[in-house]
Amino acid sequence: MSFPPPQLPPPLPRATQSAPQVPNPPRRSGRQRRPNFGRSDNKTTVTNAIVSINVGLYLWMTLAGFNRTSINFVISRQFLEQGEWWRLISCGFVHFGIFHIAMNMLLAFQLGQLLEQRMGSLRFGLLYITSLLGGSVGALLLSPDAITGGASGAVFGLMAAAVIGLRHDRINPLRTAIGTTFVLNMVITLVIPGISVGGHFGGAITGAICSLFLLNPSRKTISRLFEVVGPMAIGVGLIYLAVSFVNA
């Protein structure tokens, strides 16, 4: 069976799902408000696990033969038609080159340090996985026959959630490095060919919706239980959407 060629530089030069770009944070004088985002537990267990797993898998694939191993992780409609639904998650853990994984993990680590300490490890993990699913489904809907991989969908979800969190704290996101990074990457997604538009926007939209549950400033509006149930329900809905699309 032959598969469509990927869309990023070698070894898979046509893969979608490109890495976000990280601009230098702007220098600002004077005292700045520190984002709050709610609770804080001073732990980044999930963030460290995400970075470690992605880097470990990248090294393993490189040593084992990237083309041979990565094909078991990437997503494309034809794989899902064969019942390989794990690819909705596994595609977020394969990267096409050192620059791809370096930029994705740099942003995942930076955003994780901020978000996980404020949200708690469980809620942060739900945000990451649900955003990853959103990116996978977005890529599937907009480019179903392309071979897609990368953590960019999840990272875009983290960026979108951080922007929502800044708004909750009454901080203008565009006056922060988070906001400018998010806008820059949205522009790059639309301008540069070979980037998964569906993956990036799907992850961002999912992350923004999840943040309405996870970063809600009023504990009276949304109970702590619903903060967990909400993202899980979104994840189930995304899987149902993917199954319906593939079986249509």
Protein backbone atom coordinates (compact mmCIF):
# COMPACT_ATOMS: atom_id res chain seq x y z
CA MET A 1 0.00 0.00 0.00
CA SER A 2 1.37 3.42 -0.87
CA PHE A 3 0.84 6.46 1.29
CA PRO A 4 0.72 10.13 0.28
CA PRO A 5 4.11 11.81 0.76
CA PRO A 6 4.49 14.02 3.84
CA GLN A 7 4.75 17.83 3.66
CA LEU A 8 7.72 18.99 5.75
CA PRO A 9 11.48 19.05 5.05
CA PRO A 10 13.29 15.67 4.99
CA PRO A 11 12.87 13.01 6.08
CA LEU A 12 9.16 13.73 5.46
CA PRO A 13 9.27 16.87 3.32
CA ARG A 14 5.50 17.31 2.81
CA ALA A 15 4.15 16.72 6.31
CA THR A 16 1.74 19.30 7.65
CA GLN A 17 1.72 20.41 11.33
CA SER A 18 4.64 22.86 11.44
CA ALA A 19 6.32 24.10 14.59
CA PRO A 20 5.27 27.43 16.09
CA GLN A 21 7.75 30.30 15.97
CA VAL A 22 8.92 31.96 19.18
CA PRO A 23 9.69 35.69 18.99
CA ASN A 24 11.94 37.35 21.56
CA PRO A 25 9.81 38.67 24.42
CA PRO A 26 9.49 42.47 24.21
CA ARG A 27 11.42 44.51 26.76
CA ARG A 28 9.20 46.59 28.98
CA SER A 29 10.07 48.98 31.72
CA GLY A 30 8.16 49.39 34.94
CA ARG A 31 6.21 46.87 37.00
CA GLN A 32 4.12 44.32 35.12
CA ARG A 33 1.08 42.47 36.38
CA ARG A 34 1.69 38.78 36.89
CA PRO A 35 -0.92 36.47 35.33
CA ASN A 36 -3.00 34.73 37.95
CA PHE A 37 -5.34 32.23 36.18
CA GLY A 38 -6.74 30.95 39.49
CA ARG A 39 -5.24 28.23 41.73
CA SER A 40 -1.56 27.41 42.03
CA ASP A 41 0.13 24.17 43.14
CA ASN A 42 3.73 24.93 42.06
CA LYS A 43 4.06 21.61 40.20
CA THR A 44 4.81 20.97 36.53
CA THR A 45 4.73 17.17 36.51
CA VAL A 46 2.61 16.87 33.36
CA THR A 47 4.65 19.51 31.51
CA ASN A 48 7.90 17.67 32.26
CA ALA A 49 6.33 14.36 31.21
CA ILE A 50 5.09 15.81 27.91
CA VAL A 51 8.50 17.21 27.00
CA SER A 52 10.32 14.04 28.09
CA ILE A 53 8.01 11.71 26.14
CA ASN A 54 8.21 13.78 22.97
CA VAL A 55 11.99 14.10 23.10
CA GLY A 56 12.40 10.41 23.98
CA LEU A 57 10.19 9.29 21.10
CA TYR A 58 12.00 11.58 18.67
CA LEU A 59 15.38 10.13 19.67
CA TRP A 60 14.02 6.57 19.44
CA MET A 61 12.55 7.16 15.99
CA THR A 62 15.76 8.77 14.77
CA LEU A 63 17.89 5.87 15.98
CA ALA A 64 15.45 3.18 14.80
CA GLY A 65 14.94 4.70 11.35
CA PHE A 66 12.59 7.66 11.19
CA ASN A 67 10.64 6.78 8.04
CA ARG A 68 9.98 3.25 9.27
CA THR A 69 8.85 4.15 12.80
CA SER A 70 7.08 7.48 12.30
CA ILE A 71 4.56 5.97 9.86
CA ASN A 72 3.04 4.17 12.87
CA PHE A 73 2.26 7.50 14.59
CA VAL A 74 1.14 10.02 11.95
CA ILE A 75 -2.49 10.63 11.02
CA SER A 76 -4.25 10.44 7.68
CA ARG A 77 -7.79 9.46 6.74
CA GLN A 78 -6.71 6.21 5.13
CA PHE A 79 -5.13 5.01 8.40
CA LEU A 80 -8.31 5.78 10.34
CA GLU A 81 -10.37 3.94 7.75
CA GLN A 82 -8.36 0.85 8.73
CA GLY A 83 -9.47 1.29 12.35
CA GLU A 84 -6.19 2.81 13.63
CA TRP A 85 -7.90 5.38 15.85
CA TRP A 86 -4.98 5.70 18.25
CA ARG A 87 -3.42 7.96 15.64
CA LEU A 88 -5.71 10.79 16.80
CA ILE A 89 -3.41 10.97 19.84
CA SER A 90 -0.15 9.42 18.63
CA CYS A 91 0.23 11.94 15.79
CA GLY A 92 0.88 14.60 18.44
CA PHE A 93 4.06 12.80 19.52
CA VAL A 94 5.94 12.57 16.21
CA HIS A 95 8.10 15.40 14.87
CA PHE A 96 9.81 15.95 11.53
CA GLY A 97 13.27 17.24 12.34
CA ILE A 98 15.15 18.85 15.20
CA PHE A 99 13.76 22.36 14.57
CA HIS A 100 10.19 21.05 14.57
CA ILE A 101 10.47 19.35 17.96
CA ALA A 102 12.67 22.06 19.47
CA MET A 103 10.18 24.86 18.79
CA ASN A 104 7.17 22.81 19.85
CA MET A 105 8.75 21.64 23.09
CA LEU A 106 10.15 25.08 23.91
CA LEU A 107 6.67 26.57 23.77
CA ALA A 108 5.08 23.56 25.51
CA PHE A 109 7.57 23.90 28.36
CA GLN A 110 7.20 27.68 28.70
CA LEU A 111 3.40 27.61 28.58
CA GLY A 112 3.27 24.56 30.83
CA GLN A 113 5.33 26.31 33.48
CA LEU A 114 2.70 29.05 33.52
CA LEU A 115 -0.52 27.11 33.04
CA GLU A 116 0.06 23.92 35.01
CA GLN A 117 1.09 25.78 38.15
CA ARG A 118 -2.07 27.88 37.93
CA MET A 119 -4.56 25.20 36.85
CA GLY A 120 -3.24 22.07 38.51
CA SER A 121 -1.76 19.01 36.81
CA LEU A 122 -5.06 17.22 36.13
CA ARG A 123 -6.72 20.18 34.44
CA PHE A 124 -3.58 21.04 32.50
CA GLY A 125 -3.31 17.47 31.25
CA LEU A 126 -6.93 17.58 30.11
CA LEU A 127 -6.29 20.88 28.32
CA TYR A 128 -3.25 19.47 26.50
CA ILE A 129 -4.81 16.19 25.40
CA THR A 130 -8.10 17.77 24.38
CA SER A 131 -6.27 20.46 22.37
CA LEU A 132 -4.19 17.72 20.75
CA LEU A 133 -7.40 15.96 19.74
CA GLY A 134 -8.79 19.23 18.40
CA GLY A 135 -5.69 19.68 16.26
CA SER A 136 -5.91 16.11 14.95
CA VAL A 137 -9.58 16.46 14.04
CA GLY A 138 -8.99 19.87 12.48
CA ALA A 139 -6.19 18.46 10.31
CA LEU A 140 -8.38 15.50 9.38
CA LEU A 141 -11.27 17.74 8.30
CA LEU A 142 -9.23 20.25 6.28
CA SER A 143 -6.54 17.96 4.83
CA PRO A 144 -7.76 14.37 5.25
CA ASP A 145 -5.30 12.80 2.80
CA ALA A 146 -2.16 14.55 4.08
CA ILE A 147 0.21 12.80 6.46
CA THR A 148 0.21 14.97 9.57
CA GLY A 149 2.15 14.91 12.82
CA GLY A 150 3.44 17.18 15.54
CA ALA A 151 2.44 18.70 18.88
CA SER A 152 1.56 22.05 17.30
CA GLY A 153 -2.20 21.53 17.72
CA ALA A 154 -1.77 21.00 21.46
CA VAL A 155 0.66 23.92 21.72
CA PHE A 156 -1.76 26.23 19.92
CA GLY A 157 -4.41 25.12 22.41
CA LEU A 158 -2.11 26.11 25.28
CA MET A 159 -1.44 29.49 23.69
CA ALA A 160 -5.15 30.15 23.19
CA ALA A 161 -5.89 29.16 26.80
CA ALA A 162 -3.14 31.45 28.05
CA VAL A 163 -4.62 34.33 26.06
CA ILE A 164 -8.04 33.66 27.60
CA GLY A 165 -6.42 33.52 31.02
CA LEU A 166 -4.78 36.90 30.49
CA ARG A 167 -8.15 38.37 29.54
CA HIS A 168 -9.64 36.94 32.74
CA ASP A 169 -6.88 38.72 34.66
CA ARG A 170 -7.71 41.94 32.77
CA ILE A 171 -4.35 41.98 31.00
CA ASN A 172 -4.21 42.91 27.33
CA PRO A 173 -2.69 39.81 25.64
CA LEU A 174 -1.28 41.91 22.78
CA ARG A 175 0.91 43.74 25.29
CA THR A 176 2.54 40.45 26.35
CA ALA A 177 4.89 37.95 24.69
CA ILE A 178 2.14 35.31 24.86
CA GLY A 179 -0.29 37.37 22.82
CA THR A 180 2.26 38.45 20.20
CA THR A 181 3.53 34.88 19.85
CA PHE A 182 -0.01 33.62 19.33
CA VAL A 183 -0.86 36.23 16.69
CA LEU A 184 2.47 35.73 14.89
CA ASN A 185 1.93 31.98 14.66
CA MET A 186 -1.62 32.39 13.38
CA VAL A 187 -0.31 34.63 10.60
CA ILE A 188 2.50 32.19 9.77
CA THR A 189 -0.02 29.35 9.62
CA LEU A 190 -2.04 31.17 6.97
CA VAL A 191 0.88 32.54 4.95
CA ILE A 192 3.48 29.77 4.72
CA PRO A 193 2.59 26.71 2.60
CA GLY A 194 2.87 23.19 4.01
CA ILE A 195 1.59 24.07 7.48
CA SER A 196 -1.49 22.32 8.85
CA VAL A 197 -4.08 25.09 9.00
CA GLY A 198 -6.69 22.70 10.35
CA GLY A 199 -4.29 21.32 12.95
CA HIS A 200 -3.29 24.73 14.28
CA PHE A 201 -6.73 26.33 14.24
CA GLY A 202 -8.41 23.18 15.52
CA GLY A 203 -6.07 23.07 18.49
CA ALA A 204 -6.45 26.79 19.19
CA ILE A 205 -10.25 26.71 19.06
CA THR A 206 -10.38 23.63 21.29
CA GLY A 207 -7.97 25.15 23.80
CA ALA A 208 -9.98 28.36 23.92
CA ILE A 209 -13.24 26.48 24.56
CA CYS A 210 -11.65 24.30 27.25
CA SER A 211 -10.26 27.38 28.98
CA LEU A 212 -13.82 28.64 29.49
CA PHE A 213 -14.22 25.70 31.90
CA LEU A 214 -10.70 25.45 33.27
CA LEU A 215 -9.92 29.15 33.76
CA ASN A 216 -13.32 30.45 34.72
CA PRO A 217 -12.72 33.26 37.25
CA SER A 218 -15.97 32.59 39.11
CA ARG A 219 -16.11 29.33 41.04
CA LYS A 220 -19.86 29.91 41.51
CA THR A 221 -20.52 29.75 37.76
CA ILE A 222 -18.81 26.43 37.06
CA SER A 223 -18.25 23.78 39.72
CA ARG A 224 -14.87 22.11 40.13
CA LEU A 225 -16.36 18.83 38.92
CA PHE A 226 -17.63 20.42 35.73
CA GLU A 227 -14.16 21.88 35.12
CA VAL A 228 -13.03 18.29 34.59
CA VAL A 229 -16.17 16.91 32.95
CA GLY A 230 -16.38 19.77 30.43
CA PRO A 231 -13.04 19.13 28.65
CA MET A 232 -13.66 15.37 28.77
CA ALA A 233 -17.02 15.87 27.05
CA ILE A 234 -15.33 18.04 24.41
CA GLY A 235 -12.80 15.27 23.79
CA VAL A 236 -15.55 12.68 23.36
CA GLY A 237 -17.33 15.02 20.96
CA LEU A 238 -14.16 15.43 18.89
CA ILE A 239 -13.69 11.67 18.63
CA TYR A 240 -17.31 11.28 17.55
CA LEU A 241 -16.79 13.98 14.90
CA ALA A 242 -13.70 12.19 13.56
CA VAL A 243 -15.50 8.82 13.42
CA SER A 244 -18.50 10.37 11.66
CA PHE A 245 -16.28 12.09 9.11
CA VAL A 246 -14.24 8.98 8.29
CA ASN A 247 -17.33 6.77 8.02
CA ALA A 248 -19.36 9.27 6.01
